[in-house]
Amino acid sequence: MTFASRSFPTLLRLMLVLAAVLGLGQAVSHAQGGLNPNDEYIILSGGPALIKWEKLRREEHQHDKWWGNFIRTARIRVQQLQKASQNQVQITWLVYRRGYAGRADEDGAPLIANIESVRDKFGINLVWYDTKAEVINYINQGKNRNATKISGFEYFGHSNKFCFLLDYGNHTLGASRCFLHQSDLARINKNAFARKAYCKSWGCHSGESFCQAWKRATGKKMIGAVGKTDYSVLQYMKLPVVSPGGRWAM
């Protein structure tokens, strides 16, 4: 996974921006089925690594030099969805609290308050979580699932082909203590989702196995990357793109 950097060659930056712009309209149009104002749209953000661990990596392998990769992208998506729905969509934002609390201590910055300011600015429902069980429980129960279905679900965070790595490099270098494995998906109630629910993972490699497991467990297709995703376009306020050689798949 590549993150925002000011050192990218100019031509590569321009190519990535073009890919992001071309994909923006597609992402919004594909999510139209998820903008039912009577239902709920969920955005799930994983946590960042700690810098003390990242400094032990080679420069080209370092992640999360900036704490907000999975926060700023969620904010961009909220803005897109609110604009597309004329502020009618009900958005719930699930955020991994331990990851940002740990990074806040390290950075000496009010990251929890910064995240809560996004909630306040856009009037969305912010739900902090510390375990994958809390994520699953919210999907299954959340707002009354008999009356309020999930019309959209998107993930911003670290991942591999089998897992959403909700925590990555926060406790141990290159390791995750809190992760949603594809084997956990059987615990999700497929009836929690609306018939035309839109689902997408913006993490690396999800389209290689996790998305297929999601479809089997929930009955809903999920778009995910075959290969790595590139967050470097975030500096241009664009959503991630697939890295060269990769593609989006279901």
C-alpha atoms as a PDB file:
ATOM      1  CA  MET A   1       0.000   0.000   0.000  1.00  0.00           C
ATOM      2  CA  THR A   2       1.406   3.377  -1.010  1.00  0.00           C
ATOM      3  CA  PHE A   3       0.607   6.515   0.962  1.00  0.00           C
ATOM      4  CA  ALA A   4       0.633  10.249   0.338  1.00  0.00           C
ATOM      5  CA  SER A   5       4.135  11.457  -0.445  1.00  0.00           C
ATOM      6  CA  ARG A   6       5.575  14.621  -1.937  1.00  0.00           C
ATOM      7  CA  SER A   7       8.519  12.758  -3.453  1.00  0.00           C
ATOM      8  CA  PHE A   8       6.663  10.952  -6.235  1.00  0.00           C
ATOM      9  CA  PRO A   9       7.917  11.689  -9.767  1.00  0.00           C
ATOM     10  CA  THR A  10       5.774  14.308 -11.471  1.00  0.00           C
ATOM     11  CA  LEU A  11       4.627  12.055 -14.318  1.00  0.00           C
ATOM     12  CA  LEU A  12       3.599   9.282 -11.931  1.00  0.00           C
ATOM     13  CA  ARG A  13       1.679  11.768  -9.782  1.00  0.00           C
ATOM     14  CA  LEU A  14      -0.181  13.060 -12.821  1.00  0.00           C
ATOM     15  CA  MET A  15      -1.068   9.528 -13.922  1.00  0.00           C
ATOM     16  CA  LEU A  16      -2.403   8.647 -10.488  1.00  0.00           C
ATOM     17  CA  VAL A  17      -4.467  11.834 -10.273  1.00  0.00           C
ATOM     18  CA  LEU A  18      -5.983  11.134 -13.695  1.00  0.00           C
ATOM     19  CA  ALA A  19      -6.889   7.597 -12.621  1.00  0.00           C
ATOM     20  CA  ALA A  20      -8.495   8.942  -9.448  1.00  0.00           C
ATOM     21  CA  VAL A  21     -10.511  11.552 -11.328  1.00  0.00           C
ATOM     22  CA  LEU A  22     -11.748   9.008 -13.857  1.00  0.00           C
ATOM     23  CA  GLY A  23     -12.734   6.648 -11.061  1.00  0.00           C
ATOM     24  CA  LEU A  24     -14.562   9.275  -8.996  1.00  0.00           C
ATOM     25  CA  GLY A  25     -17.699   9.448 -11.101  1.00  0.00           C
ATOM     26  CA  GLN A  26     -17.783   5.676 -11.355  1.00  0.00           C
ATOM     27  CA  ALA A  27     -17.502   5.241  -7.589  1.00  0.00           C
ATOM     28  CA  VAL A  28     -20.327   7.679  -6.915  1.00  0.00           C
ATOM     29  CA  SER A  29     -22.614   6.296  -9.624  1.00  0.00           C
ATOM     30  CA  HIS A  30     -22.078   2.704  -8.518  1.00  0.00           C
ATOM     31  CA  ALA A  31     -23.045   3.670  -4.969  1.00  0.00           C
ATOM     32  CA  GLN A  32     -26.360   5.222  -5.989  1.00  0.00           C
ATOM     33  CA  GLY A  33     -28.177   2.056  -4.921  1.00  0.00           C
ATOM     34  CA  GLY A  34     -26.744   2.603  -1.444  1.00  0.00           C
ATOM     35  CA  LEU A  35     -28.137   6.108  -0.952  1.00  0.00           C
ATOM     36  CA  ASN A  36     -31.594   5.169   0.325  1.00  0.00           C
ATOM     37  CA  PRO A  37     -32.310   7.793   3.030  1.00  0.00           C
ATOM     38  CA  ASN A  38     -34.331   5.247   5.009  1.00  0.00           C
ATOM     39  CA  ASP A  39     -31.310   2.969   5.390  1.00  0.00           C
ATOM     40  CA  GLU A  40     -27.773   3.324   6.759  1.00  0.00           C
ATOM     41  CA  TYR A  41     -24.429   3.701   4.976  1.00  0.00           C
ATOM     42  CA  ILE A  42     -21.436   2.367   6.953  1.00  0.00           C
ATOM     43  CA  ILE A  43     -17.837   3.510   6.508  1.00  0.00           C
ATOM     44  CA  LEU A  44     -15.227   1.494   8.427  1.00  0.00           C
ATOM     45  CA  SER A  45     -11.791   3.001   9.151  1.00  0.00           C
ATOM     46  CA  GLY A  46      -8.848   0.970  10.406  1.00  0.00           C
ATOM     47  CA  GLY A  47      -5.999   2.420  12.466  1.00  0.00           C
ATOM     48  CA  PRO A  48      -2.492   3.669  11.623  1.00  0.00           C
ATOM     49  CA  ALA A  49       0.851   2.151  12.541  1.00  0.00           C
ATOM     50  CA  LEU A  50       3.071   3.765  15.138  1.00  0.00           C
ATOM     51  CA  ILE A  51       6.027   5.722  13.798  1.00  0.00           C
ATOM     52  CA  LYS A  52       8.423   4.016  16.240  1.00  0.00           C
ATOM     53  CA  TRP A  53       7.796   0.743  14.415  1.00  0.00           C
ATOM     54  CA  GLU A  54       7.755   2.260  10.942  1.00  0.00           C
ATOM     55  CA  LYS A  55      11.199   3.781  11.457  1.00  0.00           C
ATOM     56  CA  LEU A  56      12.574   0.248  11.752  1.00  0.00           C
ATOM     57  CA  ARG A  57      11.541  -0.451   8.132  1.00  0.00           C
ATOM     58  CA  ARG A  58      13.383   0.493   4.985  1.00  0.00           C
ATOM     59  CA  GLU A  59      12.198   3.842   3.651  1.00  0.00           C
ATOM     60  CA  GLU A  60      10.329   2.296   0.715  1.00  0.00           C
ATOM     61  CA  HIS A  61       8.428  -0.068   3.044  1.00  0.00           C
ATOM     62  CA  GLN A  62       7.270   2.502   5.580  1.00  0.00           C
ATOM     63  CA  HIS A  63       3.538   3.086   6.096  1.00  0.00           C
ATOM     64  CA  ASP A  64       1.475   5.757   7.802  1.00  0.00           C
ATOM     65  CA  LYS A  65       4.043   8.526   8.057  1.00  0.00           C
ATOM     66  CA  TRP A  66       0.954  10.682   8.328  1.00  0.00           C
ATOM     67  CA  TRP A  67      -1.652   9.518  10.833  1.00  0.00           C
ATOM     68  CA  GLY A  68      -4.746  10.418   8.807  1.00  0.00           C
ATOM     69  CA  ASN A  69      -4.716   8.273   5.660  1.00  0.00           C
ATOM     70  CA  PHE A  70      -7.835   6.318   6.659  1.00  0.00           C
ATOM     71  CA  ILE A  71      -9.536   9.340   8.225  1.00  0.00           C
ATOM     72  CA  ARG A  72      -9.137  11.834   5.386  1.00  0.00           C
ATOM     73  CA  THR A  73     -10.267   9.276   2.794  1.00  0.00           C
ATOM     74  CA  ALA A  74     -13.375   8.526   4.868  1.00  0.00           C
ATOM     75  CA  ARG A  75     -14.056  12.265   5.080  1.00  0.00           C
ATOM     76  CA  ILE A  76     -13.766  12.615   1.299  1.00  0.00           C
ATOM     77  CA  ARG A  77     -16.190   9.734   0.842  1.00  0.00           C
ATOM     78  CA  VAL A  78     -18.667  11.254   3.308  1.00  0.00           C
ATOM     79  CA  GLN A  79     -18.631  14.483   1.315  1.00  0.00           C
ATOM     80  CA  GLN A  80     -19.219  12.609  -1.940  1.00  0.00           C
ATOM     81  CA  LEU A  81     -22.114  10.612  -0.534  1.00  0.00           C
ATOM     82  CA  GLN A  82     -23.766  13.627   1.060  1.00  0.00           C
ATOM     83  CA  LYS A  83     -23.489  15.583  -2.176  1.00  0.00           C
ATOM     84  CA  ALA A  84     -24.877  12.713  -4.248  1.00  0.00           C
ATOM     85  CA  SER A  85     -27.818  12.231  -1.857  1.00  0.00           C
ATOM     86  CA  GLN A  86     -28.420  15.942  -1.180  1.00  0.00           C
ATOM     87  CA  ASN A  87     -27.549  15.271   2.473  1.00  0.00           C
ATOM     88  CA  GLN A  88     -30.282  12.653   2.828  1.00  0.00           C
ATOM     89  CA  VAL A  89     -28.065   9.591   3.398  1.00  0.00           C
ATOM     90  CA  GLN A  90     -27.621   8.326   6.990  1.00  0.00           C
ATOM     91  CA  ILE A  91     -23.885   7.682   7.476  1.00  0.00           C
ATOM     92  CA  THR A  92     -22.318   5.779  10.359  1.00  0.00           C
ATOM     93  CA  TRP A  93     -18.534   5.910  10.660  1.00  0.00           C
ATOM     94  CA  LEU A  94     -16.814   3.125  12.608  1.00  0.00           C
ATOM     95  CA  VAL A  95     -13.279   4.063  13.716  1.00  0.00           C
ATOM     96  CA  TYR A  96     -10.636   1.957  15.505  1.00  0.00           C
ATOM     97  CA  ARG A  97     -10.128   3.990  18.670  1.00  0.00           C
ATOM     98  CA  ARG A  98      -7.059   2.214  20.102  1.00  0.00           C
ATOM     99  CA  GLY A  99      -5.061   2.856  16.961  1.00  0.00           C
ATOM    100  CA  TYR A 100      -5.665   6.605  17.018  1.00  0.00           C
ATOM    101  CA  ALA A 101      -5.320   6.902  20.791  1.00  0.00           C
ATOM    102  CA  GLY A 102      -1.907   5.225  20.585  1.00  0.00           C
ATOM    103  CA  ARG A 103      -0.794   7.403  17.681  1.00  0.00           C
ATOM    104  CA  ALA A 104      -2.084  10.516  19.470  1.00  0.00           C
ATOM    105  CA  ASP A 105       0.154   9.750  22.452  1.00  0.00           C
ATOM    106  CA  GLU A 106       3.105   9.257  20.122  1.00  0.00           C
ATOM    107  CA  ASP A 107       2.473  12.374  18.000  1.00  0.00           C
ATOM    108  CA  GLY A 108       1.465  14.551  20.937  1.00  0.00           C
ATOM    109  CA  ALA A 109      -1.597  15.656  18.975  1.00  0.00           C
ATOM    110  CA  PRO A 110      -5.364  15.645  19.729  1.00  0.00           C
ATOM    111  CA  LEU A 111      -6.221  13.025  17.118  1.00  0.00           C
ATOM    112  CA  ILE A 112      -9.377  11.797  18.850  1.00  0.00           C
ATOM    113  CA  ALA A 113     -10.714  15.356  18.931  1.00  0.00           C
ATOM    114  CA  ASN A 114      -9.703  15.825  15.284  1.00  0.00           C
ATOM    115  CA  ILE A 115     -11.751  12.774  14.293  1.00  0.00           C
ATOM    116  CA  GLU A 116     -14.704  13.912  16.362  1.00  0.00           C
ATOM    117  CA  SER A 117     -14.540  17.279  14.580  1.00  0.00           C
ATOM    118  CA  VAL A 118     -15.251  15.461  11.297  1.00  0.00           C
ATOM    119  CA  ARG A 119     -18.343  13.951  12.917  1.00  0.00           C
ATOM    120  CA  ASP A 120     -19.486  17.381  14.051  1.00  0.00           C
ATOM    121  CA  LYS A 121     -18.778  19.132  10.752  1.00  0.00           C
ATOM    122  CA  PHE A 122     -20.716  16.650   8.632  1.00  0.00           C
ATOM    123  CA  GLY A 123     -23.366  15.566  11.118  1.00  0.00           C
ATOM    124  CA  ILE A 124     -22.666  11.838  10.878  1.00  0.00           C
ATOM    125  CA  ASN A 125     -22.883   9.066  13.458  1.00  0.00           C
ATOM    126  CA  LEU A 126     -19.399   8.247  14.822  1.00  0.00           C
ATOM    127  CA  VAL A 127     -18.998   4.864  16.558  1.00  0.00           C
ATOM    128  CA  TRP A 128     -15.659   4.016  18.157  1.00  0.00           C
ATOM    129  CA  TYR A 129     -14.653   0.344  18.277  1.00  0.00           C
ATOM    130  CA  ASP A 130     -11.737  -1.572  19.808  1.00  0.00           C
ATOM    131  CA  THR A 131     -12.512  -5.155  18.709  1.00  0.00           C
ATOM    132  CA  LYS A 132     -13.765  -6.933  15.625  1.00  0.00           C
ATOM    133  CA  ALA A 133     -16.689  -8.243  17.675  1.00  0.00           C
ATOM    134  CA  GLU A 134     -17.884  -4.664  18.072  1.00  0.00           C
ATOM    135  CA  VAL A 135     -17.743  -4.209  14.285  1.00  0.00           C
ATOM    136  CA  ILE A 136     -19.703  -7.396  13.648  1.00  0.00           C
ATOM    137  CA  ASN A 137     -22.230  -6.545  16.360  1.00  0.00           C
ATOM    138  CA  TYR A 138     -22.820  -3.112  14.895  1.00  0.00           C
ATOM    139  CA  ILE A 139     -23.371  -4.552  11.425  1.00  0.00           C
ATOM    140  CA  ASN A 140     -25.834  -7.087  12.814  1.00  0.00           C
ATOM    141  CA  GLN A 141     -27.657  -4.839  15.263  1.00  0.00           C
ATOM    142  CA  GLY A 142     -26.631  -1.198  14.925  1.00  0.00           C
ATOM    143  CA  LYS A 143     -29.776   0.756  14.354  1.00  0.00           C
ATOM    144  CA  ASN A 144     -32.798  -1.533  14.421  1.00  0.00           C
ATOM    145  CA  ARG A 145     -32.010  -3.851  11.501  1.00  0.00           C
ATOM    146  CA  ASN A 146     -35.663  -4.744  11.067  1.00  0.00           C
ATOM    147  CA  ALA A 147     -36.328  -1.133  10.145  1.00  0.00           C
ATOM    148  CA  THR A 148     -32.935   0.198   9.014  1.00  0.00           C
ATOM    149  CA  LYS A 149     -30.895  -1.921   6.609  1.00  0.00           C
ATOM    150  CA  ILE A 150     -27.312  -1.306   5.497  1.00  0.00           C
ATOM    151  CA  SER A 151     -27.433   0.202   2.033  1.00  0.00           C
ATOM    152  CA  GLY A 152     -23.677   0.722   1.697  1.00  0.00           C
ATOM    153  CA  PHE A 153     -20.462  -0.513   3.316  1.00  0.00           C
ATOM    154  CA  GLU A 154     -16.917   0.704   2.581  1.00  0.00           C
ATOM    155  CA  TYR A 155     -13.561   0.048   4.243  1.00  0.00           C
ATOM    156  CA  PHE A 156     -10.471   2.259   4.436  1.00  0.00           C
ATOM    157  CA  GLY A 157      -7.478   0.628   6.092  1.00  0.00           C
ATOM    158  CA  HIS A 158      -4.706  -1.908   5.870  1.00  0.00           C
ATOM    159  CA  SER A 159      -5.624  -5.331   4.517  1.00  0.00           C
ATOM    160  CA  ASN A 160      -4.311  -8.462   2.868  1.00  0.00           C
ATOM    161  CA  LYS A 161      -6.108 -11.015   0.709  1.00  0.00           C
ATOM    162  CA  PHE A 162      -7.713 -12.700   3.743  1.00  0.00           C
ATOM    163  CA  CYS A 163      -8.250  -9.933   6.333  1.00  0.00           C
ATOM    164  CA  PHE A 164      -9.168  -6.374   7.108  1.00  0.00           C
ATOM    165  CA  LEU A 165      -6.211  -5.421   9.320  1.00  0.00           C
ATOM    166  CA  LEU A 166      -8.104  -3.045  11.591  1.00  0.00           C
ATOM    167  CA  ASP A 167      -4.983  -2.672  13.717  1.00  0.00           C
ATOM    168  CA  TYR A 168      -1.627  -2.875  11.948  1.00  0.00           C
ATOM    169  CA  GLY A 169       1.710  -1.970  13.451  1.00  0.00           C
ATOM    170  CA  ASN A 170       0.169  -0.341  16.511  1.00  0.00           C
ATOM    171  CA  HIS A 171       1.375  -2.902  19.037  1.00  0.00           C
ATOM    172  CA  THR A 172       3.992  -4.864  17.055  1.00  0.00           C
ATOM    173  CA  LEU A 173       5.974  -4.116  13.904  1.00  0.00           C
ATOM    174  CA  GLY A 174       4.145  -5.431  10.838  1.00  0.00           C
ATOM    175  CA  ALA A 175       1.541  -7.346  12.843  1.00  0.00           C
ATOM    176  CA  SER A 176      -2.151  -7.012  13.640  1.00  0.00           C
ATOM    177  CA  ARG A 177      -3.932  -7.792  16.897  1.00  0.00           C
ATOM    178  CA  CYS A 178      -7.357  -6.663  15.733  1.00  0.00           C
ATOM    179  CA  PHE A 179      -8.374  -8.029  12.353  1.00  0.00           C
ATOM    180  CA  LEU A 180     -11.513  -9.155  10.563  1.00  0.00           C
ATOM    181  CA  HIS A 181     -10.648 -12.455   8.866  1.00  0.00           C
ATOM    182  CA  GLN A 182     -12.761 -13.879   6.083  1.00  0.00           C
ATOM    183  CA  SER A 183     -13.550 -16.803   8.380  1.00  0.00           C
ATOM    184  CA  ASP A 184     -15.252 -14.286  10.723  1.00  0.00           C
ATOM    185  CA  LEU A 185     -17.722 -13.243   8.044  1.00  0.00           C
ATOM    186  CA  ALA A 186     -20.021 -16.188   8.782  1.00  0.00           C
ATOM    187  CA  ARG A 187     -20.962 -14.296  11.966  1.00  0.00           C
ATOM    188  CA  ILE A 188     -22.484 -11.476   9.924  1.00  0.00           C
ATOM    189  CA  ASN A 189     -26.254 -11.546   9.450  1.00  0.00           C
ATOM    190  CA  LYS A 190     -26.878 -11.247   5.715  1.00  0.00           C
ATOM    191  CA  ASN A 191     -30.353  -9.893   6.454  1.00  0.00           C
ATOM    192  CA  ALA A 192     -28.730  -6.735   7.821  1.00  0.00           C
ATOM    193  CA  PHE A 193     -28.115  -5.556   4.245  1.00  0.00           C
ATOM    194  CA  ALA A 194     -30.489  -3.922   1.798  1.00  0.00           C
ATOM    195  CA  ARG A 195     -31.126  -5.751  -1.463  1.00  0.00           C
ATOM    196  CA  LYS A 196     -28.968  -3.405  -3.567  1.00  0.00           C
ATOM    197  CA  ALA A 197     -26.292  -2.698  -0.971  1.00  0.00           C
ATOM    198  CA  TYR A 198     -23.028  -1.285  -2.377  1.00  0.00           C
ATOM    199  CA  CYS A 199     -19.853  -2.690  -0.785  1.00  0.00           C
ATOM    200  CA  LYS A 200     -16.203  -1.811  -1.436  1.00  0.00           C
ATOM    201  CA  SER A 201     -12.827  -2.318   0.214  1.00  0.00           C
ATOM    202  CA  TRP A 202     -10.190   0.344  -0.441  1.00  0.00           C
ATOM    203  CA  GLY A 203      -7.445  -1.793   1.136  1.00  0.00           C
ATOM    204  CA  CYS A 204      -4.778  -3.859  -0.604  1.00  0.00           C
ATOM    205  CA  HIS A 205      -5.455  -7.321  -2.049  1.00  0.00           C
ATOM    206  CA  SER A 206      -9.090  -7.625  -0.844  1.00  0.00           C
ATOM    207  CA  GLY A 207     -10.252  -8.635  -4.318  1.00  0.00           C
ATOM    208  CA  GLU A 208      -8.058 -11.737  -4.251  1.00  0.00           C
ATOM    209  CA  SER A 209     -10.072 -13.674  -1.641  1.00  0.00           C
ATOM    210  CA  PHE A 210     -11.813 -11.558   1.010  1.00  0.00           C
ATOM    211  CA  CYS A 211     -14.391 -10.094  -1.367  1.00  0.00           C
ATOM    212  CA  GLN A 212     -15.428 -13.532  -2.594  1.00  0.00           C
ATOM    213  CA  ALA A 213     -15.825 -14.683   1.015  1.00  0.00           C
ATOM    214  CA  TRP A 214     -17.900 -11.556   1.717  1.00  0.00           C
ATOM    215  CA  LYS A 215     -20.229 -12.447  -1.150  1.00  0.00           C
ATOM    216  CA  ARG A 216     -20.658 -16.003   0.154  1.00  0.00           C
ATOM    217  CA  ALA A 217     -21.377 -14.781   3.694  1.00  0.00           C
ATOM    218  CA  THR A 218     -23.602 -11.770   2.990  1.00  0.00           C
ATOM    219  CA  GLY A 219     -24.947 -12.414  -0.489  1.00  0.00           C
ATOM    220  CA  LYS A 220     -23.631  -8.975  -1.549  1.00  0.00           C
ATOM    221  CA  LYS A 221     -20.846  -8.313  -4.020  1.00  0.00           C
ATOM    222  CA  MET A 222     -17.854  -6.389  -2.727  1.00  0.00           C
ATOM    223  CA  ILE A 223     -15.418  -4.517  -4.958  1.00  0.00           C
ATOM    224  CA  GLY A 224     -11.784  -4.947  -3.932  1.00  0.00           C
ATOM    225  CA  ALA A 225      -8.283  -4.596  -5.303  1.00  0.00           C
ATOM    226  CA  VAL A 226      -6.288  -7.309  -6.982  1.00  0.00           C
ATOM    227  CA  GLY A 227      -2.869  -5.979  -6.045  1.00  0.00           C
ATOM    228  CA  LYS A 228      -2.089  -2.951  -3.906  1.00  0.00           C
ATOM    229  CA  THR A 229      -4.048   0.252  -3.491  1.00  0.00           C
ATOM    230  CA  ASP A 230      -2.337   3.622  -3.694  1.00  0.00           C
ATOM    231  CA  TYR A 231      -3.259   6.395  -1.259  1.00  0.00           C
ATOM    232  CA  SER A 232      -0.688   8.860  -2.596  1.00  0.00           C
ATOM    233  CA  VAL A 233      -3.447  10.708  -4.508  1.00  0.00           C
ATOM    234  CA  LEU A 234      -4.923  11.657  -1.143  1.00  0.00           C
ATOM    235  CA  GLN A 235      -2.724  14.762  -1.238  1.00  0.00           C
ATOM    236  CA  TYR A 236      -4.964  15.878  -4.131  1.00  0.00           C
ATOM    237  CA  MET A 237      -8.117  15.047  -2.123  1.00  0.00           C
ATOM    238  CA  LYS A 238      -8.785  11.971  -4.271  1.00  0.00           C
ATOM    239  CA  LEU A 239      -9.762   8.464  -3.225  1.00  0.00           C
ATOM    240  CA  PRO A 240      -7.223   5.620  -3.538  1.00  0.00           C
ATOM    241  CA  VAL A 241      -6.434   4.038  -6.888  1.00  0.00           C
ATOM    242  CA  VAL A 242      -5.110   0.587  -7.715  1.00  0.00           C
ATOM    243  CA  SER A 243      -1.329   0.487  -8.086  1.00  0.00           C
ATOM    244  CA  PRO A 244       0.163  -0.208 -11.533  1.00  0.00           C
ATOM    245  CA  GLY A 245      -0.441  -3.816 -12.552  1.00  0.00           C
ATOM    246  CA  GLY A 246      -3.494  -4.183 -10.307  1.00  0.00           C
ATOM    247  CA  ARG A 247      -7.215  -3.894 -10.943  1.00  0.00           C
ATOM    248  CA  TRP A 248     -10.567  -3.662  -9.175  1.00  0.00           C
ATOM    249  CA  ALA A 249     -12.534  -6.908  -8.992  1.00  0.00           C
ATOM    250  CA  MET A 250     -15.468  -8.519  -7.162  1.00  0.00           C
END
